Amino acid sequence: MSNPGLKSRGGLKRRAAAFAALRDATRLGLVTTLAHGPPQSISQLASHSRLTRQGLTRHLRTLEPAGLLQNRRVGRESLYEFRPEPLQELSVYLKEVSMEWDEALGRLKAFVER
């Protein structure tokens, strides 16, 4: 890979945490909701979901350490806001991996066609 930060241990851990957090359909839905709207409280998120507030809290507590959400207090409420940086990093990573695979497949094709 051309970007040395993509292979660093810290980078691998961040990407693994983001991939793990997004593997659940409910969490992916929460990220989508927050990415396309304003910051929301657990009550606001619960009004659009069949999950309880406790269930939502568990999912939010998985997304937040992965860096996908930011929690900020406004009075007595916690508002959850989408953070795009981890997804941008995943996008760069997947493009790099895709380019490596394309190159490897090109070499294999050239070898087989000899």
N, C-alpha and C. Protein backbone atom coordinates (compact mmCIF):
# COMPACT_ATOMS: atom_id res chain seq x y z
N MET A 1 0.83 -1.18 0.00
CA MET A 1 0.00 0.00 0.00
C MET A 1 0.87 1.23 0.00
N SER A 2 0.44 2.25 -0.66
CA SER A 2 1.27 3.43 -0.77
C SER A 2 1.18 4.32 0.46
N ASN A 3 0.15 4.23 1.25
CA ASN A 3 -0.02 5.05 2.43
C ASN A 3 0.46 4.28 3.65
N PRO A 4 1.62 4.67 4.25
CA PRO A 4 2.15 3.91 5.38
C PRO A 4 1.23 3.91 6.59
N GLY A 5 0.41 4.94 6.76
CA GLY A 5 -0.52 5.00 7.88
C GLY A 5 -1.58 3.92 7.82
N LEU A 6 -1.83 3.41 6.62
CA LEU A 6 -2.86 2.38 6.47
C LEU A 6 -2.41 1.05 7.05
N LYS A 7 -1.09 0.84 7.16
CA LYS A 7 -0.59 -0.42 7.70
C LYS A 7 -0.17 -0.31 9.16
N SER A 8 -0.23 0.88 9.73
CA SER A 8 0.19 1.04 11.12
C SER A 8 -0.76 0.30 12.05
N ARG A 9 -0.23 -0.11 13.18
CA ARG A 9 -1.04 -0.87 14.15
C ARG A 9 -2.25 -0.05 14.61
N GLY A 10 -2.05 1.23 14.87
CA GLY A 10 -3.16 2.09 15.29
C GLY A 10 -4.22 2.21 14.20
N GLY A 11 -3.76 2.33 12.96
CA GLY A 11 -4.71 2.42 11.84
C GLY A 11 -5.50 1.14 11.67
N LEU A 12 -4.82 0.00 11.83
CA LEU A 12 -5.52 -1.29 11.73
C LEU A 12 -6.57 -1.43 12.82
N LYS A 13 -6.22 -1.03 14.04
CA LYS A 13 -7.17 -1.14 15.15
C LYS A 13 -8.38 -0.23 14.94
N ARG A 14 -8.15 0.99 14.45
CA ARG A 14 -9.26 1.92 14.20
C ARG A 14 -10.21 1.36 13.15
N ARG A 15 -9.62 0.85 12.05
CA ARG A 15 -10.47 0.31 10.98
C ARG A 15 -11.21 -0.93 11.44
N ALA A 16 -10.54 -1.79 12.20
CA ALA A 16 -11.20 -3.00 12.71
C ALA A 16 -12.37 -2.62 13.61
N ALA A 17 -12.20 -1.61 14.45
CA ALA A 17 -13.28 -1.17 15.34
C ALA A 17 -14.45 -0.62 14.54
N ALA A 18 -14.16 0.15 13.49
CA ALA A 18 -15.24 0.71 12.67
C ALA A 18 -15.96 -0.40 11.90
N PHE A 19 -15.21 -1.32 11.30
CA PHE A 19 -15.85 -2.44 10.59
C PHE A 19 -16.71 -3.26 11.56
N ALA A 20 -16.19 -3.55 12.75
CA ALA A 20 -16.93 -4.35 13.73
C ALA A 20 -18.21 -3.63 14.16
N ALA A 21 -18.11 -2.33 14.38
CA ALA A 21 -19.29 -1.57 14.80
C ALA A 21 -20.36 -1.54 13.71
N LEU A 22 -19.93 -1.50 12.46
CA LEU A 22 -20.88 -1.39 11.35
C LEU A 22 -21.44 -2.72 10.87
N ARG A 23 -20.94 -3.84 11.42
CA ARG A 23 -21.43 -5.13 10.94
C ARG A 23 -22.86 -5.42 11.35
N ASP A 24 -23.37 -4.69 12.33
CA ASP A 24 -24.73 -4.87 12.81
C ASP A 24 -25.67 -3.93 12.05
N ALA A 25 -26.76 -4.47 11.54
CA ALA A 25 -27.71 -3.69 10.73
C ALA A 25 -28.31 -2.53 11.52
N THR A 26 -28.58 -2.73 12.79
CA THR A 26 -29.16 -1.67 13.61
C THR A 26 -28.18 -0.51 13.75
N ARG A 27 -26.92 -0.84 14.03
CA ARG A 27 -25.92 0.22 14.16
C ARG A 27 -25.68 0.93 12.84
N LEU A 28 -25.69 0.17 11.76
CA LEU A 28 -25.54 0.80 10.44
C LEU A 28 -26.70 1.76 10.18
N GLY A 29 -27.89 1.36 10.58
CA GLY A 29 -29.06 2.24 10.45
C GLY A 29 -28.94 3.49 11.29
N LEU A 30 -28.42 3.36 12.50
CA LEU A 30 -28.22 4.54 13.35
C LEU A 30 -27.21 5.50 12.73
N VAL A 31 -26.13 4.97 12.21
CA VAL A 31 -25.12 5.81 11.56
C VAL A 31 -25.75 6.52 10.35
N THR A 32 -26.53 5.79 9.57
CA THR A 32 -27.18 6.38 8.40
C THR A 32 -28.13 7.51 8.82
N THR A 33 -28.92 7.26 9.84
CA THR A 33 -29.86 8.27 10.34
C THR A 33 -29.12 9.52 10.78
N LEU A 34 -28.07 9.34 11.56
CA LEU A 34 -27.33 10.50 12.07
C LEU A 34 -26.50 11.18 10.99
N ALA A 35 -26.07 10.43 9.99
CA ALA A 35 -25.28 11.03 8.90
C ALA A 35 -26.14 11.94 8.02
N HIS A 36 -27.43 11.66 7.97
CA HIS A 36 -28.31 12.44 7.08
C HIS A 36 -29.21 13.41 7.84
N GLY A 37 -28.86 13.69 9.07
CA GLY A 37 -29.69 14.60 9.84
C GLY A 37 -28.90 15.27 10.94
N PRO A 38 -29.61 16.03 11.77
CA PRO A 38 -28.93 16.74 12.85
C PRO A 38 -28.61 15.80 14.01
N PRO A 39 -27.77 16.24 14.95
CA PRO A 39 -27.53 15.45 16.15
C PRO A 39 -28.86 15.16 16.85
N GLN A 40 -28.96 13.96 17.44
CA GLN A 40 -30.20 13.57 18.09
C GLN A 40 -29.94 12.94 19.45
N SER A 41 -30.93 13.07 20.32
CA SER A 41 -30.87 12.43 21.63
C SER A 41 -31.34 10.98 21.51
N ILE A 42 -31.15 10.22 22.57
CA ILE A 42 -31.62 8.84 22.57
C ILE A 42 -33.14 8.81 22.42
N SER A 43 -33.83 9.75 23.05
CA SER A 43 -35.30 9.81 22.92
C SER A 43 -35.71 10.04 21.47
N GLN A 44 -35.03 10.95 20.80
CA GLN A 44 -35.35 11.21 19.39
C GLN A 44 -35.06 9.98 18.53
N LEU A 45 -33.94 9.33 18.77
CA LEU A 45 -33.60 8.13 18.01
C LEU A 45 -34.60 7.01 18.29
N ALA A 46 -35.05 6.89 19.54
CA ALA A 46 -36.00 5.84 19.92
C ALA A 46 -37.36 6.05 19.26
N SER A 47 -37.71 7.30 18.98
CA SER A 47 -39.01 7.57 18.36
C SER A 47 -39.08 7.04 16.93
N HIS A 48 -37.93 6.78 16.30
CA HIS A 48 -37.86 6.26 14.93
C HIS A 48 -37.51 4.78 14.89
N SER A 49 -37.49 4.14 16.05
CA SER A 49 -37.00 2.76 16.12
C SER A 49 -37.93 1.90 16.97
N ARG A 50 -37.82 0.59 16.76
CA ARG A 50 -38.57 -0.35 17.60
C ARG A 50 -37.76 -0.74 18.83
N LEU A 51 -36.53 -0.26 18.92
CA LEU A 51 -35.67 -0.58 20.06
C LEU A 51 -36.02 0.26 21.28
N THR A 52 -35.74 -0.29 22.44
CA THR A 52 -35.90 0.48 23.67
C THR A 52 -34.73 1.45 23.79
N ARG A 53 -34.88 2.39 24.72
CA ARG A 53 -33.78 3.33 24.96
C ARG A 53 -32.53 2.58 25.43
N GLN A 54 -32.72 1.53 26.24
CA GLN A 54 -31.59 0.75 26.72
C GLN A 54 -30.90 0.02 25.56
N GLY A 55 -31.69 -0.51 24.64
CA GLY A 55 -31.12 -1.18 23.48
C GLY A 55 -30.34 -0.21 22.60
N LEU A 56 -30.91 0.96 22.41
CA LEU A 56 -30.21 1.98 21.62
C LEU A 56 -28.91 2.40 22.31
N THR A 57 -28.96 2.54 23.62
CA THR A 57 -27.77 2.94 24.37
C THR A 57 -26.63 1.94 24.15
N ARG A 58 -26.94 0.66 24.16
CA ARG A 58 -25.90 -0.36 23.93
C ARG A 58 -25.27 -0.19 22.55
N HIS A 59 -26.11 0.05 21.53
CA HIS A 59 -25.57 0.23 20.18
C HIS A 59 -24.74 1.52 20.09
N LEU A 60 -25.22 2.58 20.71
CA LEU A 60 -24.49 3.85 20.67
C LEU A 60 -23.14 3.71 21.39
N ARG A 61 -23.10 2.92 22.44
CA ARG A 61 -21.85 2.70 23.17
C ARG A 61 -20.86 1.85 22.38
N THR A 62 -21.31 1.19 21.36
CA THR A 62 -20.40 0.47 20.46
C THR A 62 -19.89 1.41 19.37
N LEU A 63 -20.76 2.27 18.87
CA LEU A 63 -20.39 3.18 17.78
C LEU A 63 -19.46 4.30 18.24
N GLU A 64 -19.67 4.77 19.46
CA GLU A 64 -18.89 5.91 19.93
C GLU A 64 -17.40 5.61 20.06
N PRO A 65 -16.97 4.51 20.71
CA PRO A 65 -15.52 4.24 20.78
C PRO A 65 -14.90 3.95 19.42
N ALA A 66 -15.71 3.51 18.45
CA ALA A 66 -15.20 3.28 17.10
C ALA A 66 -14.98 4.60 16.36
N GLY A 67 -15.37 5.71 17.00
CA GLY A 67 -15.16 7.03 16.41
C GLY A 67 -16.23 7.47 15.44
N LEU A 68 -17.28 6.67 15.28
CA LEU A 68 -18.32 6.99 14.30
C LEU A 68 -19.33 8.00 14.81
N LEU A 69 -19.42 8.13 16.12
CA LEU A 69 -20.34 9.09 16.74
C LEU A 69 -19.61 9.89 17.79
N GLN A 70 -20.12 11.08 18.01
CA GLN A 70 -19.62 11.92 19.09
C GLN A 70 -20.81 12.26 19.97
N ASN A 71 -20.62 12.17 21.26
CA ASN A 71 -21.67 12.44 22.24
C ASN A 71 -21.34 13.77 22.91
N ARG A 72 -22.30 14.67 22.92
CA ARG A 72 -22.07 15.92 23.66
C ARG A 72 -23.30 16.24 24.49
N ARG A 73 -23.04 16.74 25.67
CA ARG A 73 -24.12 17.08 26.59
C ARG A 73 -24.66 18.47 26.27
N VAL A 74 -25.99 18.56 26.22
CA VAL A 74 -26.67 19.84 26.08
C VAL A 74 -27.73 19.84 27.17
N GLY A 75 -27.44 20.54 28.25
CA GLY A 75 -28.33 20.49 29.40
C GLY A 75 -28.32 19.10 30.00
N ARG A 76 -29.51 18.50 30.12
CA ARG A 76 -29.62 17.16 30.68
C ARG A 76 -29.57 16.08 29.62
N GLU A 77 -29.55 16.47 28.38
CA GLU A 77 -29.57 15.49 27.29
C GLU A 77 -28.17 15.26 26.70
N SER A 78 -28.00 14.06 26.20
CA SER A 78 -26.81 13.73 25.41
C SER A 78 -27.25 13.70 23.96
N LEU A 79 -26.57 14.46 23.12
CA LEU A 79 -26.86 14.45 21.69
C LEU A 79 -25.76 13.67 20.98
N TYR A 80 -26.18 12.82 20.06
CA TYR A 80 -25.24 12.00 19.30
C TYR A 80 -25.15 12.56 17.89
N GLU A 81 -23.91 12.73 17.47
CA GLU A 81 -23.62 13.34 16.17
C GLU A 81 -22.69 12.43 15.38
N PHE A 82 -22.95 12.29 14.10
CA PHE A 82 -22.13 11.48 13.20
C PHE A 82 -20.78 12.12 12.97
N ARG A 83 -19.74 11.30 12.95
CA ARG A 83 -18.38 11.74 12.61
C ARG A 83 -17.95 11.00 11.35
N PRO A 84 -17.69 11.68 10.25
CA PRO A 84 -17.38 11.02 8.99
C PRO A 84 -15.94 10.51 8.85
N GLU A 85 -15.03 10.96 9.68
CA GLU A 85 -13.61 10.63 9.50
C GLU A 85 -13.32 9.13 9.45
N PRO A 86 -13.88 8.31 10.34
CA PRO A 86 -13.59 6.87 10.24
C PRO A 86 -14.07 6.26 8.92
N LEU A 87 -15.19 6.71 8.41
CA LEU A 87 -15.67 6.17 7.13
C LEU A 87 -14.81 6.65 5.98
N GLN A 88 -14.30 7.87 6.08
CA GLN A 88 -13.39 8.36 5.06
C GLN A 88 -12.10 7.54 5.05
N GLU A 89 -11.61 7.20 6.24
CA GLU A 89 -10.41 6.37 6.35
C GLU A 89 -10.68 4.98 5.76
N LEU A 90 -11.86 4.42 6.05
CA LEU A 90 -12.21 3.11 5.48
C LEU A 90 -12.29 3.17 3.97
N SER A 91 -12.81 4.25 3.44
CA SER A 91 -12.90 4.41 1.99
C SER A 91 -11.52 4.42 1.35
N VAL A 92 -10.59 5.17 1.93
CA VAL A 92 -9.22 5.22 1.42
C VAL A 92 -8.59 3.83 1.49
N TYR A 93 -8.80 3.16 2.62
CA TYR A 93 -8.25 1.82 2.80
C TYR A 93 -8.79 0.85 1.76
N LEU A 94 -10.09 0.86 1.55
CA LEU A 94 -10.70 -0.06 0.59
C LEU A 94 -10.24 0.24 -0.85
N LYS A 95 -10.03 1.51 -1.17
CA LYS A 95 -9.51 1.85 -2.50
C LYS A 95 -8.10 1.30 -2.68
N GLU A 96 -7.27 1.44 -1.64
CA GLU A 96 -5.90 0.92 -1.69
C GLU A 96 -5.91 -0.59 -1.86
N VAL A 97 -6.72 -1.28 -1.08
CA VAL A 97 -6.80 -2.75 -1.17
C VAL A 97 -7.32 -3.15 -2.55
N SER A 98 -8.30 -2.44 -3.05
CA SER A 98 -8.85 -2.74 -4.38
C SER A 98 -7.79 -2.60 -5.47
N MET A 99 -6.97 -1.54 -5.36
CA MET A 99 -5.91 -1.35 -6.35
C MET A 99 -4.89 -2.48 -6.27
N GLU A 100 -4.56 -2.91 -5.05
CA GLU A 100 -3.61 -4.02 -4.89
C GLU A 100 -4.16 -5.29 -5.52
N TRP A 101 -5.44 -5.57 -5.29
CA TRP A 101 -6.05 -6.77 -5.87
C TRP A 101 -6.11 -6.68 -7.39
N ASP A 102 -6.43 -5.50 -7.91
CA ASP A 102 -6.46 -5.33 -9.37
C ASP A 102 -5.08 -5.61 -9.96
N GLU A 103 -4.04 -5.10 -9.32
CA GLU A 103 -2.68 -5.34 -9.80
C GLU A 103 -2.33 -6.83 -9.72
N ALA A 104 -2.70 -7.48 -8.62
CA ALA A 104 -2.40 -8.91 -8.45
C ALA A 104 -3.15 -9.74 -9.50
N LEU A 105 -4.40 -9.40 -9.74
CA LEU A 105 -5.17 -10.12 -10.76
C LEU A 105 -4.61 -9.89 -12.16
N GLY A 106 -4.12 -8.69 -12.40
CA GLY A 106 -3.48 -8.40 -13.69
C GLY A 106 -2.23 -9.23 -13.89
N ARG A 107 -1.43 -9.37 -12.83
CA ARG A 107 -0.23 -10.20 -12.91
C ARG A 107 -0.59 -11.67 -13.12
N LEU A 108 -1.63 -12.14 -12.43
CA LEU A 108 -2.08 -13.53 -12.60
C LEU A 108 -2.57 -13.76 -14.02
N LYS A 109 -3.34 -12.82 -14.54
CA LYS A 109 -3.85 -12.95 -15.91
C LYS A 109 -2.70 -13.02 -16.90
N ALA A 110 -1.72 -12.14 -16.73
CA ALA A 110 -0.57 -12.13 -17.63
C ALA A 110 0.19 -13.45 -17.54
N PHE A 111 0.33 -13.99 -16.36
CA PHE A 111 1.02 -15.25 -16.17
C PHE A 111 0.27 -16.41 -16.82
N VAL A 112 -1.04 -16.45 -16.64
CA VAL A 112 -1.85 -17.54 -17.18
C VAL A 112 -1.91 -17.49 -18.71
N GLU A 113 -1.90 -16.28 -19.28
CA GLU A 113 -2.02 -16.13 -20.72
C GLU A 113 -0.71 -16.33 -21.45
N ARG A 114 0.39 -16.57 -20.77
CA ARG A 114 1.68 -16.81 -21.43
C ARG A 114 1.68 -18.05 -22.22
